[in-house]
Each structure stands twice: as C-alpha cells, then as structure tokens.
N, C-alpha and C. Protein backbone atom coordinates (compact mmCIF):
# COMPACT_ATOMS: atom_id res chain seq x y z
N MET A 1 91.57 98.31 110.17
CA MET A 1 91.09 97.70 108.95
C MET A 1 91.77 96.34 108.78
N ALA A 2 91.01 95.31 108.66
CA ALA A 2 91.55 93.96 108.49
C ALA A 2 91.97 93.75 107.05
N HIS A 3 93.00 92.96 106.87
CA HIS A 3 93.46 92.62 105.53
C HIS A 3 92.83 91.31 105.12
N HIS A 4 92.23 91.29 103.98
CA HIS A 4 91.64 90.08 103.44
C HIS A 4 92.16 89.90 102.03
N ALA A 5 92.27 88.65 101.64
CA ALA A 5 92.72 88.36 100.27
C ALA A 5 91.78 89.05 99.29
N ARG A 6 92.36 89.73 98.35
CA ARG A 6 91.56 90.40 97.33
C ARG A 6 91.06 89.39 96.34
N SER A 7 89.86 89.60 95.93
CA SER A 7 89.35 88.76 94.86
C SER A 7 89.14 89.65 93.66
N GLY A 8 88.99 89.04 92.54
CA GLY A 8 88.72 89.81 91.34
C GLY A 8 89.98 90.17 90.59
N VAL A 9 89.79 91.08 89.67
CA VAL A 9 90.84 91.43 88.71
C VAL A 9 92.07 92.01 89.39
N GLY A 10 91.90 92.95 90.31
CA GLY A 10 93.05 93.60 90.94
C GLY A 10 93.98 92.63 91.63
N GLY A 11 93.42 91.74 92.44
CA GLY A 11 94.24 90.76 93.14
C GLY A 11 94.88 89.77 92.20
N ASP A 12 94.14 89.38 91.17
CA ASP A 12 94.68 88.45 90.18
C ASP A 12 95.83 89.07 89.40
N VAL A 13 95.67 90.32 89.04
CA VAL A 13 96.72 91.02 88.29
C VAL A 13 97.97 91.15 89.16
N ALA A 14 97.79 91.55 90.41
CA ALA A 14 98.93 91.69 91.31
C ALA A 14 99.64 90.36 91.50
N ALA A 15 98.89 89.28 91.62
CA ALA A 15 99.50 87.95 91.77
C ALA A 15 100.29 87.58 90.53
N ARG A 16 99.73 87.86 89.36
CA ARG A 16 100.45 87.54 88.10
C ARG A 16 101.71 88.38 87.95
N ILE A 17 101.63 89.65 88.34
CA ILE A 17 102.81 90.51 88.27
C ILE A 17 103.90 89.98 89.19
N GLY A 18 103.52 89.63 90.41
CA GLY A 18 104.49 89.08 91.36
C GLY A 18 105.12 87.81 90.86
N GLU A 19 104.30 86.92 90.31
CA GLU A 19 104.80 85.66 89.77
C GLU A 19 105.76 85.91 88.61
N THR A 20 105.41 86.83 87.73
CA THR A 20 106.27 87.16 86.60
C THR A 20 107.59 87.76 87.07
N LEU A 21 107.53 88.65 88.04
CA LEU A 21 108.76 89.24 88.58
C LEU A 21 109.67 88.14 89.13
N GLU A 22 109.11 87.25 89.93
CA GLU A 22 109.93 86.19 90.53
C GLU A 22 110.51 85.25 89.49
N ASN A 23 109.72 84.92 88.47
CA ASN A 23 110.16 83.94 87.48
C ASN A 23 111.07 84.52 86.40
N GLN A 24 110.89 85.78 86.05
CA GLN A 24 111.62 86.32 84.91
C GLN A 24 112.53 87.49 85.25
N PHE A 25 112.36 88.08 86.41
CA PHE A 25 113.13 89.27 86.76
C PHE A 25 113.67 89.16 88.19
N ALA A 26 114.42 88.11 88.43
CA ALA A 26 114.95 87.84 89.77
C ALA A 26 115.80 88.99 90.30
N GLU A 27 116.50 89.68 89.43
CA GLU A 27 117.35 90.79 89.86
C GLU A 27 116.50 91.93 90.44
N ILE A 28 115.36 92.19 89.82
CA ILE A 28 114.46 93.23 90.34
C ILE A 28 113.92 92.82 91.70
N VAL A 29 113.54 91.57 91.84
CA VAL A 29 113.03 91.07 93.12
C VAL A 29 114.09 91.22 94.20
N GLU A 30 115.33 90.91 93.85
CA GLU A 30 116.43 90.99 94.80
C GLU A 30 116.76 92.43 95.18
N THR A 31 116.77 93.32 94.21
CA THR A 31 117.19 94.69 94.49
C THR A 31 116.06 95.62 94.90
N GLN A 32 114.81 95.22 94.60
CA GLN A 32 113.66 96.07 94.92
C GLN A 32 112.54 95.24 95.56
N PRO A 33 112.80 94.65 96.72
CA PRO A 33 111.80 93.78 97.33
C PRO A 33 110.51 94.50 97.73
N HIS A 34 110.56 95.82 97.83
CA HIS A 34 109.33 96.55 98.14
C HIS A 34 108.29 96.39 97.03
N LEU A 35 108.74 96.20 95.79
CA LEU A 35 107.80 95.96 94.69
C LEU A 35 107.05 94.64 94.90
N MET A 36 107.80 93.61 95.27
CA MET A 36 107.17 92.32 95.53
C MET A 36 106.25 92.40 96.74
N ALA A 37 106.68 93.13 97.76
CA ALA A 37 105.85 93.27 98.96
C ALA A 37 104.51 93.90 98.61
N GLN A 38 104.54 94.93 97.79
CA GLN A 38 103.31 95.60 97.40
C GLN A 38 102.41 94.67 96.59
N HIS A 39 102.98 93.98 95.61
CA HIS A 39 102.18 93.07 94.78
C HIS A 39 101.63 91.91 95.60
N CYS A 40 102.45 91.36 96.50
CA CYS A 40 101.97 90.26 97.34
C CYS A 40 100.86 90.74 98.27
N SER A 41 101.00 91.94 98.81
CA SER A 41 99.96 92.51 99.67
C SER A 41 98.65 92.65 98.89
N GLU A 42 98.75 93.21 97.69
CA GLU A 42 97.56 93.43 96.87
C GLU A 42 96.93 92.11 96.41
N ALA A 43 97.74 91.07 96.29
CA ALA A 43 97.24 89.77 95.85
C ALA A 43 96.70 88.94 97.01
N GLY A 44 96.84 89.45 98.23
CA GLY A 44 96.37 88.70 99.39
C GLY A 44 97.34 87.64 99.86
N GLN A 45 98.58 87.70 99.40
CA GLN A 45 99.63 86.76 99.80
C GLN A 45 100.42 87.38 100.95
N PHE A 46 99.77 87.44 102.12
CA PHE A 46 100.27 88.27 103.20
C PHE A 46 101.54 87.76 103.86
N GLU A 47 101.69 86.46 104.02
CA GLU A 47 102.92 85.94 104.62
C GLU A 47 104.12 86.28 103.73
N ARG A 48 103.95 86.11 102.41
CA ARG A 48 105.02 86.47 101.48
C ARG A 48 105.27 87.97 101.53
N ALA A 49 104.20 88.75 101.60
CA ALA A 49 104.35 90.21 101.65
C ALA A 49 105.15 90.63 102.87
N ILE A 50 104.86 90.03 104.01
CA ILE A 50 105.59 90.37 105.25
C ILE A 50 107.08 90.13 105.05
N ASN A 51 107.42 88.99 104.48
CA ASN A 51 108.84 88.67 104.27
C ASN A 51 109.51 89.67 103.33
N TYR A 52 108.79 90.09 102.29
CA TYR A 52 109.37 91.07 101.37
C TYR A 52 109.46 92.46 102.02
N TRP A 53 108.46 92.85 102.85
CA TRP A 53 108.58 94.14 103.55
C TRP A 53 109.80 94.12 104.45
N LEU A 54 110.02 92.98 105.13
CA LEU A 54 111.20 92.87 106.00
C LEU A 54 112.49 93.01 105.20
N LYS A 55 112.56 92.30 104.09
CA LYS A 55 113.78 92.37 103.27
C LYS A 55 114.01 93.79 102.76
N ALA A 56 112.94 94.45 102.32
CA ALA A 56 113.07 95.83 101.84
C ALA A 56 113.56 96.74 102.97
N GLY A 57 113.00 96.57 104.15
CA GLY A 57 113.43 97.38 105.29
C GLY A 57 114.88 97.13 105.66
N GLN A 58 115.29 95.88 105.64
CA GLN A 58 116.67 95.54 105.96
C GLN A 58 117.64 96.12 104.92
N GLN A 59 117.24 96.12 103.66
CA GLN A 59 118.09 96.73 102.64
C GLN A 59 118.21 98.24 102.88
N ALA A 60 117.12 98.88 103.25
CA ALA A 60 117.17 100.32 103.53
C ALA A 60 118.07 100.60 104.72
N VAL A 61 118.01 99.75 105.75
CA VAL A 61 118.90 99.92 106.91
C VAL A 61 120.35 99.81 106.46
N SER A 62 120.64 98.86 105.58
CA SER A 62 122.03 98.67 105.13
C SER A 62 122.54 99.88 104.35
N ARG A 63 121.61 100.67 103.77
CA ARG A 63 121.99 101.89 103.06
C ARG A 63 121.93 103.12 103.98
N SER A 64 121.64 102.88 105.25
CA SER A 64 121.46 103.97 106.23
C SER A 64 120.32 104.90 105.86
N ALA A 65 119.32 104.37 105.18
CA ALA A 65 118.12 105.13 104.82
C ALA A 65 117.06 104.86 105.89
N MET A 66 117.29 105.41 107.07
CA MET A 66 116.48 105.05 108.22
C MET A 66 115.00 105.44 108.11
N PRO A 67 114.63 106.60 107.61
CA PRO A 67 113.20 106.88 107.47
C PRO A 67 112.51 105.88 106.54
N GLU A 68 113.17 105.55 105.44
CA GLU A 68 112.62 104.56 104.51
C GLU A 68 112.53 103.20 105.18
N ALA A 69 113.59 102.82 105.89
CA ALA A 69 113.60 101.52 106.58
C ALA A 69 112.45 101.44 107.58
N GLU A 70 112.27 102.48 108.34
CA GLU A 70 111.20 102.48 109.33
C GLU A 70 109.84 102.30 108.66
N ALA A 71 109.60 103.02 107.59
CA ALA A 71 108.31 102.93 106.90
C ALA A 71 108.08 101.52 106.35
N LEU A 72 109.10 100.93 105.74
CA LEU A 72 108.96 99.60 105.16
C LEU A 72 108.77 98.53 106.23
N LEU A 73 109.58 98.61 107.28
CA LEU A 73 109.47 97.62 108.36
C LEU A 73 108.13 97.74 109.08
N ARG A 74 107.67 98.94 109.25
CA ARG A 74 106.37 99.12 109.92
C ARG A 74 105.22 98.58 109.07
N LYS A 75 105.34 98.63 107.75
CA LYS A 75 104.31 98.02 106.89
C LYS A 75 104.23 96.53 107.14
N GLY A 76 105.40 95.90 107.21
CA GLY A 76 105.42 94.46 107.50
C GLY A 76 104.88 94.15 108.88
N LEU A 77 105.25 94.95 109.85
CA LEU A 77 104.78 94.75 111.21
C LEU A 77 103.27 94.93 111.30
N ALA A 78 102.76 95.98 110.68
CA ALA A 78 101.32 96.24 110.72
C ALA A 78 100.55 95.08 110.09
N LEU A 79 101.06 94.57 109.00
CA LEU A 79 100.40 93.45 108.32
C LEU A 79 100.43 92.21 109.22
N ALA A 80 101.57 91.95 109.84
CA ALA A 80 101.68 90.78 110.73
C ALA A 80 100.74 90.92 111.93
N ILE A 81 100.65 92.10 112.48
CA ILE A 81 99.76 92.32 113.64
C ILE A 81 98.31 92.11 113.22
N GLU A 82 97.93 92.66 112.09
CA GLU A 82 96.55 92.51 111.62
C GLU A 82 96.20 91.07 111.31
N LEU A 83 97.18 90.33 110.82
CA LEU A 83 96.93 88.92 110.51
C LEU A 83 96.86 88.08 111.78
N GLY A 84 97.50 88.57 112.85
CA GLY A 84 97.56 87.79 114.07
C GLY A 84 98.49 86.61 113.93
N SER A 85 99.45 86.71 113.02
CA SER A 85 100.43 85.65 112.83
C SER A 85 101.43 85.71 113.96
N GLY A 86 101.30 84.87 114.93
CA GLY A 86 102.17 84.89 116.10
C GLY A 86 103.64 84.90 115.75
N THR A 87 104.09 83.91 115.00
CA THR A 87 105.51 83.80 114.68
C THR A 87 105.96 84.95 113.79
N ALA A 88 105.21 85.23 112.74
CA ALA A 88 105.57 86.32 111.83
C ALA A 88 105.55 87.65 112.56
N CYS A 89 104.56 87.84 113.41
CA CYS A 89 104.44 89.09 114.15
C CYS A 89 105.64 89.27 115.08
N CYS A 90 106.01 88.23 115.80
CA CYS A 90 107.15 88.32 116.72
C CYS A 90 108.44 88.57 115.96
N ARG A 91 108.65 87.84 114.87
CA ARG A 91 109.87 88.01 114.08
C ARG A 91 109.93 89.42 113.50
N THR A 92 108.82 89.89 112.98
CA THR A 92 108.77 91.23 112.40
C THR A 92 109.02 92.28 113.48
N GLY A 93 108.41 92.10 114.62
CA GLY A 93 108.62 93.05 115.72
C GLY A 93 110.07 93.11 116.15
N ARG A 94 110.70 91.96 116.26
CA ARG A 94 112.13 91.94 116.63
C ARG A 94 112.97 92.64 115.56
N THR A 95 112.65 92.40 114.31
CA THR A 95 113.40 93.03 113.22
C THR A 95 113.24 94.54 113.24
N VAL A 96 112.01 94.99 113.44
CA VAL A 96 111.78 96.44 113.50
C VAL A 96 112.57 97.04 114.65
N ARG A 97 112.47 96.43 115.81
CA ARG A 97 113.19 96.98 116.98
C ARG A 97 114.70 96.93 116.79
N SER A 98 115.24 95.83 116.31
CA SER A 98 116.69 95.74 116.17
C SER A 98 117.20 96.57 115.00
N GLY A 99 116.44 96.62 113.93
CA GLY A 99 116.88 97.35 112.75
C GLY A 99 116.81 98.85 112.88
N LEU A 100 116.00 99.34 113.78
CA LEU A 100 115.81 100.78 113.89
C LEU A 100 116.45 101.39 115.12
N ARG A 101 117.21 100.61 115.84
CA ARG A 101 117.91 101.17 117.00
C ARG A 101 118.98 102.15 116.53
N PRO A 102 119.08 103.27 117.24
CA PRO A 102 120.12 104.26 116.85
C PRO A 102 121.51 103.73 117.12
C-alpha cells in the first residue's frame, strides 16, 4: 500500500495537532516522539514522520525496550521504503540494523 498525503479533515486535523504539539508542548514532542510520528504520518508529512519514528525507536532502545524499539523503527523503515526516499531509506535501514543488534 503506497502512502499518499491525506487530504481533507483527517489530514488537516493531524497537521494542526502536530503543529500545536511542536509549538506549545515541546516537552511532549521530546519525550513522546511516537505521537509526532503518528500525526505527521496521518498528515502526509512523511519525511518528518520518518525522523520522529527514528527518534522514538532510539529512545526505546535507550530504555532497553527492544520489542517497542523494533516496532517503531520498522514503521519508519517501512515508510521510507514505500516513499522510495533513497537517503532516508538508507539512514533508516542503518538505524534499524544498528539499533536492534543484540
């Protein structure tokens, strides 16, 4: 399934939520990047979403929450692969591989 920017109310709402989080709730963005990743994904802001999925996965790795880290990093990787973003895809792939090594 290809990812396309959402149009309409759902994508607009997700974009506004993400913007509000970044502008008014920086601590939430910093401590819970998976929330931003989800909103950016839903808003069609895929490059931003990939970066937030990576950050969320890296935070999970730092807490030794490996199943969570794997799920989050794989979301970013899947999005990068579907987008065909060469640089983002390669960076995400390296992060997944390095972050999930036993």
